[in-house]
Each structure stands twice: as C-alpha cells, then as structure tokens.
Amino acid sequence: MHTCLVGQSKLFRAALATLLQGTPFAVVAEADTLREVPLDDLQGNGMMLLVQKPENLADFAADIQALKARGVPPWIVFMARRLNAAEIAGSFAMGGDGYLLEEISPAALIESLNLVILGEKVFPSQLVELLAEADWSGAKTNSAQTHNPLLSDRELEIVKWLVRGAPNKMIAAKTSITEATVKVHIKAILKKIGVHNRTQAAIWAMQQGFLDPESR
C-alpha cells in the first residue's frame, strides 16, 4: 500500500514515517499540501494519504474533490490533535475516509487504516462520549429517540447499538432477536436514512442526538 504523509509539520511527518516502518502502510512520499502529493508516483493498487488536519478543514474541500475524481481515488485520513464532532462530520461530507486523533496507539492506527481500505469510515471512539455529554440536543435528544418519523421503535433501538459500535451478534443478543433479523433491520435503516453502511448510520444517529443505550 503506497502511503503519503501530508502536512506542514516535518516533526509530524517524521514521527508517522517512523511509526509506519515495517507495516503495510510504509511511507513512500511526503508533501506539504494535498496539491503537492506526487500522484503519478503513488498510483497502483491503492494510495493512502495521512493528512495533518489544517486549521480550517474547509480549505481542503476543493483538493479532496479533485483527488476523489481521479480514476484511482486515494483514501484520505485526517490526523487531528483535538476531537471536534462537527469537523469529523464535515471531513466525511467532503469525501474523507477517516478522522483520527494523533494520540492514537500504533496498533489502533494500523487497524483503522485496514478498515479504511475495506471501505469503512473510521473516527475516534471518544466521539460517542463527546456527543453523549454535549448539550447538542436537550429536548431534541428525547424527541429524536421517541418520535423519529423515519424509524420504528425496534429500528431506533438497533440504531442506538450501532452508535455503540456493536456487531450484529451482540445486537441480536441485546434485543432478543436473531442475527438474520438484525441484518434485515439494518438494511431497512440504511435505506430510510439514506446512508450506505453502518458507520454512516452511527454518525447520522449521533448527529440526531441518539445516545449509547448503556450510557444512562
């Protein structure tokens, strides 16, 4: 897997390059900005861009769009110092594939990058805690959980487990239904809320104010 580090900080790039040595994501190129990524040198089976999150993420919108329009679009994962729920949602809306914190452990980083190349969106696990604690919704939270016109009561229950990151087997056990039935419900949920996978469904749910089912 070709990997390119993007960021103004040479220290950031040097640290990541050292960390990724000997992994499937060994660094083969570096650039100060997305526009300077040596695209012709990084084509092949795939390209991973690990990007130091800029002060203003919106400044990268046009560059991300251009990269994703290529015949072999790269995976783009932002590395940030601080957790910001709005920026995470914004990065995915722009076409990003992941948003991780610089404090992530080496093993967790490699696992996250492997998920990205499998088509999953990755984000910090602390995001669930942040949204649960933040006063995003107040009355909105309660109304979303009990009166959401899109989803049935059972679907709402399953969505809360998706926010927690629970696999189908756990959801089935917690809700006393079969795994096959869980799959049917999740398929229906994705269609109703207009997303493509369970990670996007979890992000949608958090934006709507849904809480972890065991956080209360």
N, C-alpha and C. Protein backbone atom coordinates (compact mmCIF):
# COMPACT_ATOMS: atom_id res chain seq x y z
N MET A 1 0.83 -1.19 0.00
CA MET A 1 0.00 0.00 0.00
C MET A 1 0.88 1.25 0.00
N HIS A 2 0.79 2.05 -1.06
CA HIS A 2 1.52 3.31 -1.10
C HIS A 2 0.92 4.29 -0.09
N THR A 3 1.76 4.90 0.71
CA THR A 3 1.29 5.86 1.71
C THR A 3 2.05 7.16 1.59
N CYS A 4 1.32 8.26 1.62
CA CYS A 4 1.92 9.59 1.55
C CYS A 4 1.48 10.39 2.77
N LEU A 5 2.43 11.06 3.40
CA LEU A 5 2.14 11.91 4.54
C LEU A 5 2.01 13.35 4.07
N VAL A 6 0.94 14.01 4.51
CA VAL A 6 0.68 15.37 4.07
C VAL A 6 0.55 16.27 5.28
N GLY A 7 1.37 17.32 5.34
CA GLY A 7 1.27 18.24 6.47
C GLY A 7 2.43 19.20 6.49
N GLN A 8 2.22 20.36 7.08
CA GLN A 8 3.25 21.39 7.15
C GLN A 8 4.34 21.04 8.16
N SER A 9 3.98 20.24 9.16
CA SER A 9 4.93 19.92 10.24
C SER A 9 5.85 18.77 9.85
N LYS A 10 7.15 19.05 9.78
CA LYS A 10 8.11 18.00 9.48
C LYS A 10 8.21 16.99 10.63
N LEU A 11 7.98 17.48 11.85
CA LEU A 11 8.01 16.59 13.01
C LEU A 11 6.86 15.59 12.94
N PHE A 12 5.67 16.07 12.55
CA PHE A 12 4.51 15.20 12.38
C PHE A 12 4.81 14.11 11.36
N ARG A 13 5.38 14.50 10.24
CA ARG A 13 5.66 13.55 9.18
C ARG A 13 6.75 12.56 9.58
N ALA A 14 7.78 13.05 10.26
CA ALA A 14 8.88 12.18 10.66
C ALA A 14 8.40 11.13 11.67
N ALA A 15 7.54 11.57 12.60
CA ALA A 15 7.04 10.64 13.63
C ALA A 15 6.18 9.56 13.00
N LEU A 16 5.30 9.93 12.09
CA LEU A 16 4.43 8.95 11.44
C LEU A 16 5.24 8.00 10.55
N ALA A 17 6.22 8.54 9.85
CA ALA A 17 7.03 7.71 8.97
C ALA A 17 7.76 6.64 9.78
N THR A 18 8.27 7.02 10.94
CA THR A 18 8.96 6.06 11.81
C THR A 18 7.98 5.01 12.33
N LEU A 19 6.80 5.47 12.73
CA LEU A 19 5.80 4.57 13.29
C LEU A 19 5.32 3.54 12.27
N LEU A 20 5.26 3.93 11.02
CA LEU A 20 4.71 3.06 9.99
C LEU A 20 5.75 2.16 9.31
N GLN A 21 7.00 2.32 9.69
CA GLN A 21 8.03 1.45 9.12
C GLN A 21 7.73 -0.02 9.42
N GLY A 22 7.89 -0.87 8.42
CA GLY A 22 7.67 -2.29 8.62
C GLY A 22 6.21 -2.71 8.63
N THR A 23 5.29 -1.80 8.32
CA THR A 23 3.87 -2.11 8.24
C THR A 23 3.43 -2.08 6.77
N PRO A 24 2.23 -2.55 6.48
CA PRO A 24 1.74 -2.47 5.08
C PRO A 24 1.56 -1.03 4.60
N PHE A 25 1.70 -0.06 5.52
CA PHE A 25 1.48 1.34 5.16
C PHE A 25 2.77 2.15 5.24
N ALA A 26 3.88 1.52 4.92
CA ALA A 26 5.17 2.21 4.94
C ALA A 26 5.12 3.44 4.03
N VAL A 27 5.69 4.52 4.48
CA VAL A 27 5.62 5.80 3.77
C VAL A 27 6.60 5.83 2.60
N VAL A 28 6.08 6.21 1.43
CA VAL A 28 6.92 6.31 0.24
C VAL A 28 7.02 7.74 -0.29
N ALA A 29 6.22 8.66 0.28
CA ALA A 29 6.27 10.05 -0.18
C ALA A 29 5.71 10.98 0.90
N GLU A 30 6.09 12.24 0.80
CA GLU A 30 5.60 13.26 1.71
C GLU A 30 5.30 14.53 0.93
N ALA A 31 4.39 15.36 1.47
CA ALA A 31 4.05 16.62 0.81
C ALA A 31 3.55 17.61 1.85
N ASP A 32 3.75 18.88 1.57
CA ASP A 32 3.28 19.92 2.49
C ASP A 32 1.77 20.09 2.40
N THR A 33 1.20 19.95 1.20
CA THR A 33 -0.23 20.14 0.98
C THR A 33 -0.76 19.04 0.06
N LEU A 34 -2.07 18.92 -0.01
CA LEU A 34 -2.69 17.92 -0.88
C LEU A 34 -2.37 18.18 -2.35
N ARG A 35 -2.23 19.44 -2.71
CA ARG A 35 -1.94 19.77 -4.10
C ARG A 35 -0.55 19.32 -4.52
N GLU A 36 0.33 19.10 -3.55
CA GLU A 36 1.70 18.72 -3.86
C GLU A 36 1.92 17.20 -3.79
N VAL A 37 0.87 16.44 -3.53
CA VAL A 37 1.01 14.98 -3.48
C VAL A 37 1.46 14.46 -4.84
N PRO A 38 2.54 13.67 -4.91
CA PRO A 38 3.04 13.14 -6.19
C PRO A 38 2.15 12.01 -6.71
N LEU A 39 1.04 12.37 -7.27
CA LEU A 39 0.02 11.40 -7.66
C LEU A 39 0.54 10.35 -8.65
N ASP A 40 1.31 10.77 -9.62
CA ASP A 40 1.78 9.83 -10.64
C ASP A 40 2.67 8.76 -10.04
N ASP A 41 3.39 9.11 -8.97
CA ASP A 41 4.29 8.15 -8.33
C ASP A 41 3.55 7.21 -7.38
N LEU A 42 2.33 7.58 -7.01
CA LEU A 42 1.62 6.81 -5.99
C LEU A 42 0.47 5.98 -6.56
N GLN A 43 0.36 5.91 -7.88
CA GLN A 43 -0.70 5.10 -8.46
C GLN A 43 -0.35 3.63 -8.36
N GLY A 44 -1.31 2.77 -8.54
CA GLY A 44 -1.08 1.33 -8.44
C GLY A 44 -2.28 0.68 -7.80
N ASN A 45 -2.03 -0.16 -6.83
CA ASN A 45 -3.11 -0.88 -6.18
C ASN A 45 -3.92 0.01 -5.24
N GLY A 46 -3.37 1.10 -4.82
CA GLY A 46 -4.09 1.99 -3.93
C GLY A 46 -3.14 3.00 -3.32
N MET A 47 -3.70 4.05 -2.78
CA MET A 47 -2.90 5.11 -2.20
C MET A 47 -3.58 5.61 -0.93
N MET A 48 -2.82 5.66 0.16
CA MET A 48 -3.33 6.16 1.43
C MET A 48 -2.68 7.51 1.72
N LEU A 49 -3.51 8.52 1.96
CA LEU A 49 -3.00 9.82 2.35
C LEU A 49 -3.31 10.05 3.82
N LEU A 50 -2.27 10.21 4.63
CA LEU A 50 -2.45 10.57 6.04
C LEU A 50 -2.18 12.06 6.15
N VAL A 51 -3.21 12.81 6.49
CA VAL A 51 -3.16 14.26 6.38
C VAL A 51 -3.24 14.92 7.75
N GLN A 52 -2.27 15.75 8.05
CA GLN A 52 -2.32 16.55 9.27
C GLN A 52 -3.46 17.56 9.11
N LYS A 53 -4.46 17.49 9.99
CA LYS A 53 -5.64 18.34 9.82
C LYS A 53 -5.26 19.82 9.88
N PRO A 54 -5.66 20.58 8.87
CA PRO A 54 -5.36 22.02 8.87
C PRO A 54 -6.26 22.78 9.85
N GLU A 55 -5.91 24.01 10.08
CA GLU A 55 -6.71 24.84 10.98
C GLU A 55 -8.14 24.97 10.48
N ASN A 56 -8.27 25.17 9.17
CA ASN A 56 -9.59 25.30 8.56
C ASN A 56 -9.76 24.16 7.56
N LEU A 57 -10.53 23.17 7.94
CA LEU A 57 -10.71 21.98 7.11
C LEU A 57 -11.35 22.32 5.77
N ALA A 58 -12.18 23.35 5.75
CA ALA A 58 -12.87 23.73 4.51
C ALA A 58 -11.89 24.11 3.40
N ASP A 59 -10.67 24.53 3.79
CA ASP A 59 -9.68 24.91 2.79
C ASP A 59 -9.27 23.73 1.92
N PHE A 60 -9.52 22.50 2.41
CA PHE A 60 -9.13 21.31 1.67
C PHE A 60 -10.24 20.75 0.79
N ALA A 61 -11.42 21.34 0.84
CA ALA A 61 -12.58 20.77 0.16
C ALA A 61 -12.35 20.57 -1.34
N ALA A 62 -11.85 21.61 -2.02
CA ALA A 62 -11.64 21.52 -3.47
C ALA A 62 -10.58 20.49 -3.81
N ASP A 63 -9.51 20.43 -3.01
CA ASP A 63 -8.43 19.48 -3.27
C ASP A 63 -8.91 18.04 -3.09
N ILE A 64 -9.72 17.81 -2.05
CA ILE A 64 -10.26 16.47 -1.81
C ILE A 64 -11.16 16.05 -2.96
N GLN A 65 -11.99 16.98 -3.41
CA GLN A 65 -12.89 16.68 -4.53
C GLN A 65 -12.10 16.30 -5.77
N ALA A 66 -11.02 17.00 -6.03
CA ALA A 66 -10.20 16.72 -7.20
C ALA A 66 -9.53 15.35 -7.08
N LEU A 67 -9.05 15.02 -5.89
CA LEU A 67 -8.40 13.72 -5.68
C LEU A 67 -9.40 12.57 -5.83
N LYS A 68 -10.60 12.77 -5.30
CA LYS A 68 -11.60 11.71 -5.36
C LYS A 68 -12.16 11.52 -6.77
N ALA A 69 -11.95 12.50 -7.64
CA ALA A 69 -12.44 12.41 -9.01
C ALA A 69 -11.49 11.64 -9.92
N ARG A 70 -10.33 11.28 -9.40
CA ARG A 70 -9.35 10.55 -10.21
C ARG A 70 -9.80 9.12 -10.46
N GLY A 71 -9.21 8.50 -11.47
CA GLY A 71 -9.57 7.13 -11.83
C GLY A 71 -9.36 6.16 -10.69
N VAL A 72 -8.27 6.35 -9.95
CA VAL A 72 -8.00 5.54 -8.75
C VAL A 72 -7.92 6.50 -7.56
N PRO A 73 -9.06 6.84 -6.98
CA PRO A 73 -9.05 7.83 -5.90
C PRO A 73 -8.33 7.32 -4.66
N PRO A 74 -7.58 8.18 -4.00
CA PRO A 74 -6.87 7.75 -2.79
C PRO A 74 -7.80 7.73 -1.58
N TRP A 75 -7.40 6.98 -0.57
CA TRP A 75 -8.07 7.07 0.72
C TRP A 75 -7.45 8.23 1.48
N ILE A 76 -8.29 9.03 2.12
CA ILE A 76 -7.81 10.23 2.81
C ILE A 76 -8.21 10.16 4.28
N VAL A 77 -7.22 10.12 5.15
CA VAL A 77 -7.46 10.05 6.59
C VAL A 77 -6.81 11.25 7.26
N PHE A 78 -7.63 12.01 8.00
CA PHE A 78 -7.11 13.18 8.72
C PHE A 78 -6.62 12.78 10.10
N MET A 79 -5.52 13.38 10.52
CA MET A 79 -4.98 13.20 11.86
C MET A 79 -5.10 14.53 12.58
N ALA A 80 -5.82 14.53 13.69
CA ALA A 80 -6.09 15.78 14.40
C ALA A 80 -5.58 15.72 15.84
N ARG A 81 -5.31 16.87 16.40
CA ARG A 81 -4.85 16.94 17.79
C ARG A 81 -6.02 16.88 18.76
N ARG A 82 -7.15 17.45 18.35
CA ARG A 82 -8.30 17.54 19.25
C ARG A 82 -9.54 16.96 18.59
N LEU A 83 -10.45 16.50 19.44
CA LEU A 83 -11.71 15.93 18.97
C LEU A 83 -12.71 17.04 18.72
N ASN A 84 -13.29 17.04 17.53
CA ASN A 84 -14.29 18.04 17.16
C ASN A 84 -15.35 17.34 16.32
N ALA A 85 -16.52 17.11 16.92
CA ALA A 85 -17.57 16.35 16.26
C ALA A 85 -18.01 16.98 14.94
N ALA A 86 -18.14 18.30 14.93
CA ALA A 86 -18.59 18.98 13.71
C ALA A 86 -17.57 18.81 12.58
N GLU A 87 -16.28 18.87 12.93
CA GLU A 87 -15.24 18.70 11.92
C GLU A 87 -15.20 17.27 11.39
N ILE A 88 -15.46 16.31 12.26
CA ILE A 88 -15.49 14.92 11.82
C ILE A 88 -16.59 14.73 10.78
N ALA A 89 -17.77 15.23 11.08
CA ALA A 89 -18.88 15.13 10.13
C ALA A 89 -18.53 15.87 8.84
N GLY A 90 -17.90 17.04 8.98
CA GLY A 90 -17.53 17.83 7.80
C GLY A 90 -16.50 17.12 6.94
N SER A 91 -15.54 16.45 7.58
CA SER A 91 -14.50 15.76 6.82
C SER A 91 -15.09 14.63 5.98
N PHE A 92 -16.08 13.92 6.53
CA PHE A 92 -16.73 12.85 5.78
C PHE A 92 -17.58 13.41 4.65
N ALA A 93 -18.24 14.54 4.92
CA ALA A 93 -19.06 15.16 3.88
C ALA A 93 -18.21 15.59 2.69
N MET A 94 -16.96 15.98 2.95
CA MET A 94 -16.06 16.40 1.87
C MET A 94 -15.51 15.22 1.07
N GLY A 95 -15.65 14.03 1.62
CA GLY A 95 -15.11 12.86 0.93
C GLY A 95 -14.00 12.16 1.66
N GLY A 96 -13.68 12.63 2.88
CA GLY A 96 -12.65 11.97 3.67
C GLY A 96 -13.08 10.57 4.08
N ASP A 97 -12.10 9.73 4.36
CA ASP A 97 -12.39 8.35 4.72
C ASP A 97 -12.14 8.05 6.20
N GLY A 98 -11.51 8.98 6.89
CA GLY A 98 -11.25 8.76 8.30
C GLY A 98 -10.82 10.04 9.00
N TYR A 99 -11.02 10.05 10.29
CA TYR A 99 -10.63 11.19 11.13
C TYR A 99 -10.17 10.60 12.46
N LEU A 100 -8.88 10.65 12.71
CA LEU A 100 -8.30 10.04 13.89
C LEU A 100 -7.52 11.06 14.70
N LEU A 101 -7.30 10.76 15.95
CA LEU A 101 -6.53 11.65 16.82
C LEU A 101 -5.06 11.25 16.79
N GLU A 102 -4.18 12.24 16.88
CA GLU A 102 -2.75 11.98 16.86
C GLU A 102 -2.30 11.13 18.04
N GLU A 103 -3.10 11.09 19.10
CA GLU A 103 -2.75 10.31 20.28
C GLU A 103 -3.07 8.82 20.13
N ILE A 104 -3.59 8.41 18.99
CA ILE A 104 -3.97 7.02 18.77
C ILE A 104 -2.74 6.11 18.91
N SER A 105 -2.94 4.91 19.39
CA SER A 105 -1.83 3.97 19.54
C SER A 105 -1.43 3.43 18.17
N PRO A 106 -0.17 3.01 18.00
CA PRO A 106 0.26 2.47 16.71
C PRO A 106 -0.60 1.30 16.23
N ALA A 107 -0.93 0.38 17.14
CA ALA A 107 -1.73 -0.78 16.75
C ALA A 107 -3.12 -0.35 16.29
N ALA A 108 -3.72 0.60 17.01
CA ALA A 108 -5.06 1.07 16.64
C ALA A 108 -5.03 1.82 15.31
N LEU A 109 -3.95 2.53 15.05
CA LEU A 109 -3.82 3.25 13.78
C LEU A 109 -3.80 2.26 12.61
N ILE A 110 -2.98 1.23 12.72
CA ILE A 110 -2.89 0.23 11.65
C ILE A 110 -4.24 -0.45 11.45
N GLU A 111 -4.90 -0.79 12.55
CA GLU A 111 -6.22 -1.43 12.45
C GLU A 111 -7.21 -0.51 11.76
N SER A 112 -7.16 0.78 12.10
CA SER A 112 -8.07 1.74 11.49
C SER A 112 -7.81 1.88 10.00
N LEU A 113 -6.55 1.93 9.60
CA LEU A 113 -6.22 2.05 8.17
C LEU A 113 -6.65 0.81 7.40
N ASN A 114 -6.53 -0.34 8.02
CA ASN A 114 -7.01 -1.56 7.37
C ASN A 114 -8.52 -1.51 7.15
N LEU A 115 -9.25 -0.94 8.11
CA LEU A 115 -10.70 -0.80 7.95
C LEU A 115 -11.03 0.16 6.81
N VAL A 116 -10.24 1.21 6.70
CA VAL A 116 -10.46 2.20 5.64
C VAL A 116 -10.36 1.55 4.26
N ILE A 117 -9.33 0.74 4.05
CA ILE A 117 -9.18 0.13 2.72
C ILE A 117 -10.24 -0.94 2.45
N LEU A 118 -10.96 -1.34 3.50
CA LEU A 118 -12.08 -2.27 3.33
C LEU A 118 -13.39 -1.52 3.08
N GLY A 119 -13.31 -0.18 3.08
CA GLY A 119 -14.49 0.62 2.77
C GLY A 119 -15.20 1.23 3.96
N GLU A 120 -14.63 1.09 5.16
CA GLU A 120 -15.25 1.65 6.35
C GLU A 120 -14.76 3.07 6.63
N LYS A 121 -15.61 3.86 7.27
CA LYS A 121 -15.20 5.16 7.78
C LYS A 121 -14.72 4.97 9.21
N VAL A 122 -13.63 5.62 9.58
CA VAL A 122 -13.12 5.46 10.94
C VAL A 122 -13.07 6.81 11.64
N PHE A 123 -13.35 6.79 12.92
CA PHE A 123 -13.32 8.02 13.72
C PHE A 123 -13.03 7.65 15.16
N PRO A 124 -12.63 8.60 16.01
CA PRO A 124 -12.25 8.28 17.39
C PRO A 124 -13.40 7.71 18.19
N SER A 125 -13.12 6.71 19.01
CA SER A 125 -14.15 6.13 19.86
C SER A 125 -14.65 7.15 20.87
N GLN A 126 -13.81 8.15 21.18
CA GLN A 126 -14.21 9.19 22.14
C GLN A 126 -15.37 10.04 21.62
N LEU A 127 -15.65 9.95 20.32
CA LEU A 127 -16.73 10.75 19.75
C LEU A 127 -18.07 10.40 20.39
N VAL A 128 -18.28 9.12 20.69
CA VAL A 128 -19.53 8.71 21.31
C VAL A 128 -19.70 9.39 22.67
N GLU A 129 -18.63 9.41 23.45
CA GLU A 129 -18.68 10.04 24.76
C GLU A 129 -18.92 11.53 24.64
N LEU A 130 -18.26 12.16 23.66
CA LEU A 130 -18.42 13.60 23.46
C LEU A 130 -19.87 13.96 23.15
N LEU A 131 -20.48 13.21 22.25
CA LEU A 131 -21.85 13.51 21.86
C LEU A 131 -22.84 13.18 22.97
N ALA A 132 -22.50 12.19 23.78
CA ALA A 132 -23.38 11.83 24.88
C ALA A 132 -23.36 12.91 25.96
N GLU A 133 -22.18 13.52 26.15
CA GLU A 133 -22.04 14.51 27.21
C GLU A 133 -22.43 15.91 26.75
N ALA A 134 -22.26 16.18 25.46
CA ALA A 134 -22.51 17.53 24.96
C ALA A 134 -23.99 17.85 24.96
N ASP A 135 -24.32 19.13 25.13
CA ASP A 135 -25.72 19.56 25.11
C ASP A 135 -26.11 19.89 23.67
N TRP A 136 -25.98 18.88 22.80
CA TRP A 136 -26.30 19.09 21.40
C TRP A 136 -27.79 19.25 21.19
N SER A 137 -28.55 18.54 22.00
CA SER A 137 -29.96 18.47 21.66
C SER A 137 -30.91 18.81 22.77
N GLY A 138 -30.68 18.40 24.00
CA GLY A 138 -31.65 18.65 25.05
C GLY A 138 -32.96 17.97 24.70
N ALA A 139 -33.97 18.81 24.44
CA ALA A 139 -35.27 18.24 24.07
C ALA A 139 -35.19 17.49 22.76
N LYS A 140 -34.25 17.92 21.89
CA LYS A 140 -34.10 17.24 20.60
C LYS A 140 -33.75 15.77 20.78
N THR A 141 -32.89 15.50 21.78
CA THR A 141 -32.48 14.12 22.01
C THR A 141 -33.67 13.25 22.32
N ASN A 142 -34.51 13.68 23.26
CA ASN A 142 -35.66 12.87 23.66
C ASN A 142 -36.64 12.70 22.51
N SER A 143 -36.88 13.79 21.78
CA SER A 143 -37.85 13.68 20.69
C SER A 143 -37.32 12.78 19.59
N ALA A 144 -36.00 12.84 19.33
CA ALA A 144 -35.44 12.00 18.27
C ALA A 144 -35.54 10.54 18.64
N GLN A 145 -35.38 10.24 19.92
CA GLN A 145 -35.39 8.85 20.34
C GLN A 145 -36.80 8.26 20.37
N THR A 146 -37.80 9.08 20.59
CA THR A 146 -39.13 8.54 20.78
C THR A 146 -40.11 8.86 19.65
N HIS A 147 -39.82 9.91 18.86
CA HIS A 147 -40.79 10.32 17.86
C HIS A 147 -40.19 10.45 16.46
N ASN A 148 -39.04 9.84 16.23
CA ASN A 148 -38.45 9.93 14.90
C ASN A 148 -39.40 9.27 13.89
N PRO A 149 -39.88 10.05 12.92
CA PRO A 149 -40.89 9.50 12.00
C PRO A 149 -40.33 8.49 11.02
N LEU A 150 -39.01 8.45 10.87
CA LEU A 150 -38.42 7.55 9.89
C LEU A 150 -38.36 6.11 10.36
N LEU A 151 -38.09 5.93 11.65
CA LEU A 151 -37.74 4.61 12.16
C LEU A 151 -38.77 4.06 13.15
N SER A 152 -38.91 2.74 13.12
CA SER A 152 -39.78 2.07 14.09
C SER A 152 -39.07 2.01 15.44
N ASP A 153 -39.80 1.62 16.48
CA ASP A 153 -39.20 1.50 17.81
C ASP A 153 -38.05 0.51 17.80
N ARG A 154 -38.22 -0.61 17.11
CA ARG A 154 -37.16 -1.61 17.04
C ARG A 154 -35.94 -1.06 16.30
N GLU A 155 -36.18 -0.34 15.21
CA GLU A 155 -35.08 0.25 14.46
C GLU A 155 -34.35 1.30 15.27
N LEU A 156 -35.08 2.08 16.05
CA LEU A 156 -34.45 3.06 16.93
C LEU A 156 -33.54 2.37 17.94
N GLU A 157 -34.00 1.25 18.46
CA GLU A 157 -33.21 0.50 19.43
C GLU A 157 -31.92 -0.01 18.79
N ILE A 158 -32.02 -0.50 17.57
CA ILE A 158 -30.84 -1.02 16.88
C ILE A 158 -29.88 0.11 16.53
N VAL A 159 -30.41 1.25 16.14
CA VAL A 159 -29.55 2.40 15.82
C VAL A 159 -28.70 2.79 17.03
N LYS A 160 -29.29 2.72 18.21
CA LYS A 160 -28.53 3.07 19.42
C LYS A 160 -27.36 2.11 19.63
N TRP A 161 -27.55 0.85 19.25
CA TRP A 161 -26.46 -0.11 19.36
C TRP A 161 -25.42 0.11 18.28
N LEU A 162 -25.82 0.61 17.12
CA LEU A 162 -24.87 0.96 16.08
C LEU A 162 -23.96 2.09 16.54
N VAL A 163 -24.53 3.04 17.26
CA VAL A 163 -23.74 4.14 17.81
C VAL A 163 -22.65 3.60 18.73
N ARG A 164 -22.97 2.55 19.44
CA ARG A 164 -22.00 1.94 20.35
C ARG A 164 -20.95 1.12 19.61
N GLY A 165 -21.20 0.85 18.32
CA GLY A 165 -20.28 0.05 17.54
C GLY A 165 -20.47 -1.44 17.72
N ALA A 166 -21.65 -1.84 18.19
CA ALA A 166 -21.90 -3.25 18.47
C ALA A 166 -22.05 -4.05 17.18
N PRO A 167 -21.48 -5.26 17.11
CA PRO A 167 -21.66 -6.14 15.95
C PRO A 167 -23.06 -6.75 15.97
N ASN A 168 -23.46 -7.34 14.85
CA ASN A 168 -24.81 -7.91 14.74
C ASN A 168 -25.10 -8.95 15.82
N LYS A 169 -24.10 -9.78 16.14
CA LYS A 169 -24.29 -10.83 17.14
C LYS A 169 -24.66 -10.23 18.50
N MET A 170 -23.98 -9.16 18.88
CA MET A 170 -24.27 -8.51 20.16
C MET A 170 -25.64 -7.85 20.13
N ILE A 171 -25.95 -7.18 19.00
CA ILE A 171 -27.26 -6.53 18.88
C ILE A 171 -28.37 -7.56 19.01
N ALA A 172 -28.17 -8.71 18.37
CA ALA A 172 -29.18 -9.76 18.43
C ALA A 172 -29.39 -10.22 19.87
N ALA A 173 -28.29 -10.40 20.59
CA ALA A 173 -28.39 -10.85 21.98
C ALA A 173 -29.06 -9.80 22.87
N LYS A 174 -28.73 -8.55 22.66
CA LYS A 174 -29.27 -7.48 23.49
C LYS A 174 -30.74 -7.20 23.20
N THR A 175 -31.17 -7.47 21.97
CA THR A 175 -32.55 -7.15 21.60
C THR A 175 -33.44 -8.39 21.49
N SER A 176 -32.84 -9.57 21.77
CA SER A 176 -33.59 -10.84 21.77
C SER A 176 -34.22 -11.16 20.42
N ILE A 177 -33.44 -10.91 19.36
CA ILE A 177 -33.87 -11.31 18.03
C ILE A 177 -32.70 -12.03 17.36
N THR A 178 -32.92 -12.60 16.18
CA THR A 178 -31.85 -13.33 15.51
C THR A 178 -30.93 -12.38 14.75
N GLU A 179 -29.72 -12.86 14.44
CA GLU A 179 -28.80 -12.05 13.65
C GLU A 179 -29.37 -11.75 12.27
N ALA A 180 -30.08 -12.72 11.70
CA ALA A 180 -30.69 -12.51 10.38
C ALA A 180 -31.69 -11.36 10.43
N THR A 181 -32.45 -11.30 11.52
CA THR A 181 -33.43 -10.22 11.67
C THR A 181 -32.72 -8.88 11.87
N VAL A 182 -31.61 -8.90 12.59
CA VAL A 182 -30.82 -7.67 12.77
C VAL A 182 -30.37 -7.15 11.41
N LYS A 183 -29.89 -8.05 10.56
CA LYS A 183 -29.42 -7.65 9.23
C LYS A 183 -30.55 -7.02 8.42
N VAL A 184 -31.75 -7.60 8.53
CA VAL A 184 -32.91 -7.05 7.81
C VAL A 184 -33.22 -5.64 8.31
N HIS A 185 -33.21 -5.46 9.63
CA HIS A 185 -33.49 -4.15 10.20
C HIS A 185 -32.45 -3.12 9.79
N ILE A 186 -31.16 -3.52 9.81
CA ILE A 186 -30.10 -2.58 9.45
C ILE A 186 -30.23 -2.16 7.98
N LYS A 187 -30.55 -3.12 7.12
CA LYS A 187 -30.76 -2.80 5.71
C LYS A 187 -31.88 -1.78 5.54
N ALA A 188 -32.94 -1.96 6.31
CA ALA A 188 -34.07 -1.03 6.24
C ALA A 188 -33.69 0.34 6.78
N ILE A 189 -32.91 0.35 7.86
CA ILE A 189 -32.46 1.62 8.46
C ILE A 189 -31.62 2.41 7.47
N LEU A 190 -30.66 1.73 6.84
CA LEU A 190 -29.78 2.41 5.88
C LEU A 190 -30.60 3.05 4.76
N LYS A 191 -31.59 2.31 4.27
CA LYS A 191 -32.42 2.82 3.18
C LYS A 191 -33.24 4.02 3.63
N LYS A 192 -33.81 3.94 4.83
CA LYS A 192 -34.68 5.02 5.32
C LYS A 192 -33.93 6.32 5.55
N ILE A 193 -32.70 6.23 6.08
CA ILE A 193 -31.98 7.46 6.42
C ILE A 193 -31.01 7.88 5.32
N GLY A 194 -30.92 7.08 4.24
CA GLY A 194 -30.15 7.48 3.07
C GLY A 194 -28.65 7.38 3.22
N VAL A 195 -28.16 6.35 3.90
CA VAL A 195 -26.72 6.15 4.01
C VAL A 195 -26.36 4.77 3.47
N HIS A 196 -25.05 4.50 3.37
CA HIS A 196 -24.60 3.28 2.70
C HIS A 196 -24.08 2.19 3.62
N ASN A 197 -23.69 2.53 4.84
CA ASN A 197 -23.16 1.49 5.72
C ASN A 197 -23.45 1.84 7.18
N ARG A 198 -23.13 0.92 8.07
CA ARG A 198 -23.48 1.07 9.48
C ARG A 198 -22.69 2.20 10.15
N THR A 199 -21.47 2.46 9.68
CA THR A 199 -20.70 3.57 10.24
C THR A 199 -21.38 4.90 9.94
N GLN A 200 -21.81 5.07 8.70
CA GLN A 200 -22.53 6.30 8.34
C GLN A 200 -23.84 6.40 9.12
N ALA A 201 -24.48 5.26 9.37
CA ALA A 201 -25.72 5.27 10.16
C ALA A 201 -25.44 5.71 11.58
N ALA A 202 -24.31 5.27 12.14
CA ALA A 202 -23.95 5.67 13.50
C ALA A 202 -23.69 7.16 13.59
N ILE A 203 -23.00 7.70 12.57
CA ILE A 203 -22.73 9.14 12.54
C ILE A 203 -24.03 9.91 12.43
N TRP A 204 -24.92 9.44 11.54
CA TRP A 204 -26.24 10.09 11.41
C TRP A 204 -26.97 10.09 12.74
N ALA A 205 -26.93 8.95 13.43
CA ALA A 205 -27.64 8.83 14.70
C ALA A 205 -27.08 9.79 15.74
N MET A 206 -25.74 9.91 15.78
CA MET A 206 -25.13 10.82 16.75
C MET A 206 -25.48 12.26 16.44
N GLN A 207 -25.55 12.60 15.15
CA GLN A 207 -25.94 13.95 14.77
C GLN A 207 -27.39 14.24 15.16
N GLN A 208 -28.21 13.18 15.20
CA GLN A 208 -29.61 13.34 15.58
C GLN A 208 -29.81 13.39 17.09
N GLY A 209 -28.75 13.10 17.84
CA GLY A 209 -28.85 13.16 19.30
C GLY A 209 -29.09 11.83 19.97
N PHE A 210 -28.92 10.73 19.26
CA PHE A 210 -29.10 9.43 19.89
C PHE A 210 -27.93 9.14 20.82
N LEU A 211 -28.24 8.50 21.94
CA LEU A 211 -27.20 8.17 22.91
C LEU A 211 -26.91 6.69 22.90
N ASP A 212 -25.73 6.34 23.38
CA ASP A 212 -25.35 4.96 23.63
C ASP A 212 -26.41 4.34 24.54
N PRO A 213 -26.94 3.15 24.23
CA PRO A 213 -28.02 2.57 25.01
C PRO A 213 -27.63 2.24 26.45
N GLU A 214 -26.35 2.20 26.77
CA GLU A 214 -25.94 1.90 28.13
C GLU A 214 -25.24 3.07 28.78
N SER A 215 -25.44 4.27 28.21
CA SER A 215 -24.73 5.43 28.73
C SER A 215 -25.50 6.13 29.82
N ARG A 216 -26.71 5.67 30.07
CA ARG A 216 -27.52 6.34 31.08
C ARG A 216 -27.55 5.53 32.37
